Protein backbone atom coordinates (compact mmCIF):
# COMPACT_ATOMS: atom_id res chain seq x y z
CA UNK A 1 0.03 0.00 0.12
CA UNK A 2 2.77 2.40 0.68
CA UNK A 3 4.59 1.66 -2.46
CA UNK A 4 1.60 2.40 -4.39
CA UNK A 5 1.05 5.74 -2.67
CA UNK A 6 4.83 6.67 -3.47
CA UNK A 7 4.09 5.79 -7.17
CA UNK A 8 0.94 7.92 -7.26
CA UNK A 9 2.80 10.93 -5.52
CA UNK A 10 5.73 10.46 -7.97
CA UNK A 11 3.49 10.55 -11.37
CA UNK A 12 1.37 13.33 -10.20
CA UNK A 13 4.60 15.26 -9.65
CA UNK A 14 5.62 14.51 -13.11
CA UNK A 15 2.52 15.47 -14.70
CA UNK A 16 1.98 18.78 -12.75
CA UNK A 17 5.80 19.58 -13.38
CA UNK A 18 5.04 19.75 -17.28
CA UNK A 19 1.76 21.87 -17.15
CA UNK A 20 1.25 25.56 -16.12
CA UNK A 21 0.42 25.63 -12.20
CA UNK A 22 -2.60 27.58 -12.91
CA UNK A 23 -3.88 26.15 -15.73
CA UNK A 24 -7.14 24.17 -15.76
CA UNK A 25 -5.36 20.91 -16.68
CA UNK A 26 -3.08 21.32 -13.55
CA UNK A 27 -6.21 21.67 -11.30
CA UNK A 28 -7.70 18.85 -12.83
CA UNK A 29 -4.47 16.59 -12.18
CA UNK A 30 -4.40 17.60 -8.66
CA UNK A 31 -8.12 16.66 -8.01
CA UNK A 32 -7.59 13.34 -9.74
CA UNK A 33 -4.32 12.74 -7.59
CA UNK A 34 -6.15 13.60 -4.51
CA UNK A 35 -9.04 11.07 -5.33
CA UNK A 36 -6.20 8.50 -6.10
CA UNK A 37 -4.35 9.08 -2.94
CA UNK A 38 -7.57 9.02 -0.96
CA UNK A 39 -8.71 5.73 -2.56
CA UNK A 40 -5.19 4.14 -2.10
CA UNK A 41 -5.34 4.46 1.66
CA UNK A 42 -9.14 3.74 2.43
CA UNK A 43 -9.41 0.01 2.01
CA UNK A 44 -6.82 -0.31 5.16
CA UNK A 45 -8.67 2.16 7.13
CA UNK A 46 -12.06 0.79 6.43
CA UNK A 47 -10.85 -2.51 7.56
CA UNK A 48 -9.52 -1.29 10.75
CA UNK A 49 -12.82 0.65 11.31
CA UNK A 50 -14.58 -2.82 10.77
CA UNK A 51 -12.13 -4.46 13.31
CA UNK A 52 -12.99 -1.89 15.86
CA UNK A 53 -16.63 -2.32 15.74
CA UNK A 54 -16.25 -6.00 15.85
CA UNK A 55 -13.99 -5.68 18.75
CA UNK A 56 -16.10 -3.25 20.76
CA UNK A 57 -19.13 -5.44 20.20
CA UNK A 58 -17.59 -8.46 21.47
CA UNK A 59 -16.16 -6.64 24.72
CA UNK A 60 -19.60 -4.91 25.31
CA UNK A 61 -21.48 -8.03 24.93
CA UNK A 62 -23.83 -8.64 27.67
CA UNK A 63 -23.99 -4.95 28.69
CA UNK A 64 -27.00 -3.00 28.13
CA UNK A 65 -27.99 0.89 28.18
CA UNK A 66 -29.52 1.94 31.47
CA UNK A 67 -32.92 3.51 30.37
CA UNK A 68 -33.75 2.02 26.87
CA UNK A 69 -32.26 -1.67 27.55
CA UNK A 70 -30.77 -1.78 24.05
CA UNK A 71 -27.44 -3.66 23.71
CA UNK A 72 -24.66 -1.15 24.94
CA UNK A 73 -22.81 -1.19 21.51
CA UNK A 74 -25.56 0.85 20.21
CA UNK A 75 -24.20 3.74 22.19
CA UNK A 76 -20.59 3.81 20.89
CA UNK A 77 -22.00 3.09 17.34
CA UNK A 78 -24.10 6.20 17.52
CA UNK A 79 -21.18 8.32 18.93
CA UNK A 80 -19.06 6.99 16.09
CA UNK A 81 -21.74 8.08 13.62
CA UNK A 82 -21.78 11.73 15.19
CA UNK A 83 -17.84 11.95 15.01
CA UNK A 84 -18.04 11.05 11.27
CA UNK A 85 -20.11 14.00 10.50
CA UNK A 86 -17.53 16.28 11.74
CA UNK A 87 -14.10 14.49 11.16
CA UNK A 88 -12.89 11.87 8.32
CA UNK A 89 -9.93 11.09 10.80
CA UNK A 90 -10.36 7.18 10.74
CA UNK A 91 -8.35 7.09 14.16
CA UNK A 92 -10.85 9.19 15.85
CA UNK A 93 -13.63 7.15 14.46
CA UNK A 94 -12.00 3.95 15.71
CA UNK A 95 -11.46 5.69 19.06
CA UNK A 96 -15.05 6.59 19.18
CA UNK A 97 -16.12 2.93 18.69
CA UNK A 98 -13.79 2.00 21.59
CA UNK A 99 -14.24 5.07 23.74
CA UNK A 100 -15.69 3.02 26.74
CA UNK A 101 -13.76 -0.08 26.80
CA UNK A 102 -10.88 0.78 29.27
CA UNK A 103 -13.75 2.05 31.66
CA UNK A 104 -16.48 -0.51 31.30
CA UNK A 105 -14.84 -3.76 30.28
CA UNK A 106 -11.49 -5.87 30.92
CA UNK A 107 -9.94 -4.50 27.93
CA UNK A 108 -6.54 -2.90 28.59
CA UNK A 109 -4.69 0.23 26.92
CA UNK A 110 -1.96 -2.22 25.78
CA UNK A 111 -4.42 -4.43 24.09
CA UNK A 112 -5.93 -1.41 22.26
CA UNK A 113 -2.51 0.02 21.37
CA UNK A 114 -1.24 -3.26 20.01
CA UNK A 115 -4.31 -3.69 17.81
CA UNK A 116 -5.21 -0.08 16.87
CA UNK A 117 -2.01 1.92 17.38
CA UNK A 118 -0.64 4.21 20.20
CA UNK A 119 -2.90 7.18 18.96
CA UNK A 120 -5.96 5.30 19.15
CA UNK A 121 -4.95 3.92 22.79
CA UNK A 122 -4.08 7.71 23.88
CA UNK A 123 -7.35 9.01 22.73
CA UNK A 124 -9.42 6.33 24.57
CA UNK A 125 -7.21 6.61 27.73
CA UNK A 126 -7.85 10.42 27.52
CA UNK A 127 -11.68 9.48 27.63
CA UNK A 128 -11.56 7.31 30.63
CA UNK A 129 -12.33 8.44 33.91
CA UNK A 130 -9.50 8.84 36.42
CA UNK A 131 -11.13 7.52 39.53
CA UNK A 132 -8.39 9.00 41.94
CA UNK A 133 -8.73 12.42 40.50
CA UNK A 134 -12.33 12.13 40.84
CA UNK A 135 -12.21 11.39 44.29
CA UNK A 136 -9.50 14.11 44.93
CA UNK A 137 -11.96 16.69 43.42
CA UNK A 138 -15.05 15.37 44.97
CA UNK A 139 -17.19 16.77 42.29
CA UNK A 140 -18.00 15.02 38.94
CA UNK A 141 -18.84 18.20 37.21
CA UNK A 142 -15.64 19.99 38.07
CA UNK A 143 -13.64 16.76 37.36
CA UNK A 144 -15.17 16.56 33.76
CA UNK A 145 -14.90 20.29 33.26
CA UNK A 146 -11.36 20.22 34.16
CA UNK A 147 -10.61 17.20 32.07
CA UNK A 148 -12.51 18.60 28.96
CA UNK A 149 -10.68 21.88 29.19
CA UNK A 150 -7.30 19.95 28.81
CA UNK A 151 -8.46 17.39 26.47
CA UNK A 152 -6.86 17.05 22.92
CA UNK A 153 -9.16 18.37 20.26
CA UNK A 154 -9.58 14.73 19.14
CA UNK A 155 -10.63 13.15 22.34
CA UNK A 156 -12.74 16.36 22.99
CA UNK A 157 -14.85 15.87 19.57
CA UNK A 158 -15.45 12.38 20.70
CA UNK A 159 -16.56 13.32 24.47
CA UNK A 160 -18.89 16.07 23.03
CA UNK A 161 -20.45 13.44 20.72
CA UNK A 162 -20.88 11.10 23.81
CA UNK A 163 -22.58 13.85 25.70
CA UNK A 164 -24.87 14.90 22.66
CA UNK A 165 -25.85 10.97 22.35
CA UNK A 166 -26.51 10.81 26.13
CA UNK A 167 -28.89 13.92 26.20
CA UNK A 168 -30.76 12.69 23.19
CA UNK A 169 -31.47 9.35 24.88
CA UNK A 170 -33.42 10.03 27.92
CA UNK A 171 -37.06 9.11 26.76
CA UNK A 172 -37.39 6.44 29.52
CA UNK A 173 -35.13 8.16 32.03
CA UNK A 174 -35.90 9.28 35.70
CA UNK A 175 -36.95 13.02 35.52
CA UNK A 176 -34.89 13.78 38.24
CA UNK A 177 -31.73 12.23 36.62
CA UNK A 178 -32.47 14.08 33.50
CA UNK A 179 -32.65 17.39 35.30
CA UNK A 180 -29.37 16.70 37.18
CA UNK A 181 -27.68 15.37 33.93
CA UNK A 182 -28.67 18.46 31.88
CA UNK A 183 -27.34 20.89 34.80
CA UNK A 184 -24.24 19.08 34.90
CA UNK A 185 -23.89 19.27 31.08
CA UNK A 186 -24.74 22.97 31.10
CA UNK A 187 -22.00 23.56 33.63
CA UNK A 188 -19.51 21.52 31.89
CA UNK A 189 -20.19 23.48 28.43
CA UNK A 190 -20.07 26.83 29.93
CA UNK A 191 -16.51 25.84 31.24
CA UNK A 192 -15.17 24.37 27.75
CA UNK A 193 -16.54 27.31 26.05
CA UNK A 194 -13.76 29.15 27.60
CA UNK A 195 -11.24 27.50 25.48
CA UNK A 196 -10.63 30.27 23.02
CA UNK A 197 -9.02 27.77 20.48
CA UNK A 198 -12.08 25.35 20.03
CA UNK A 199 -12.39 24.42 16.32
CA UNK A 200 -15.86 25.14 14.50
CA UNK A 201 -16.77 21.41 14.63
CA UNK A 202 -16.52 21.24 18.31
CA UNK A 203 -18.58 24.52 18.63
CA UNK A 204 -21.44 23.13 16.32
CA UNK A 205 -21.53 19.90 18.62
CA UNK A 206 -21.86 22.01 21.66
CA UNK A 207 -24.72 24.09 20.02
CA UNK A 208 -26.59 20.51 19.20
CA UNK A 209 -26.15 19.70 22.71
CA UNK A 210 -27.83 22.65 23.99
CA UNK A 211 -30.57 22.45 21.11
CA UNK A 212 -31.19 18.93 22.25
CA UNK A 213 -31.47 19.89 25.85
CA UNK A 214 -33.81 22.73 25.08
CA UNK A 215 -35.99 20.61 22.97
CA UNK A 216 -36.55 18.10 25.61
CA UNK A 217 -35.43 14.89 23.54
């Protein structure tokens, strides 16, 4: 796969060298080369994503969502679908499928790293609750606010997608729980909003979370 990509880049460079940079032909070549490069790496990425779905499904087997009783795997699948709408980074998508494994299953960071790479393992680790830190702060809201303020953009995108799915999934939840969760979410987002470097995708997700809460979904 790597050799194929090198060949594509070489021939694209040769073609562009012999045409006027601003010509329509050059632009057409660049467009076609971009498509070729994308198609040359996609099969491997798709295979890893499929493996992540299978891996997550196997390890979440026997777990169910608290309120709707659906198999738990439906949650990371929905979170990954939300992430896909805002990013084509396949490692982020994989991490979205795996985001609850360290916290809710016996899967270890080493297992994730060996199978899906260091970056995916690092992102999933970022998304995992540090129980010692939570106990130290004594407040889940404070803990999550501080954690999300310091998260990498990749992990934060998944965390916001996770929160959006949760606030959209309260049909059968206890009214008191819904109220508390929404208050917690508002406080967390008001803190995260202070990150002046937030990308557009993240701010859009935050707006969607507010809209979901206001609509009473």
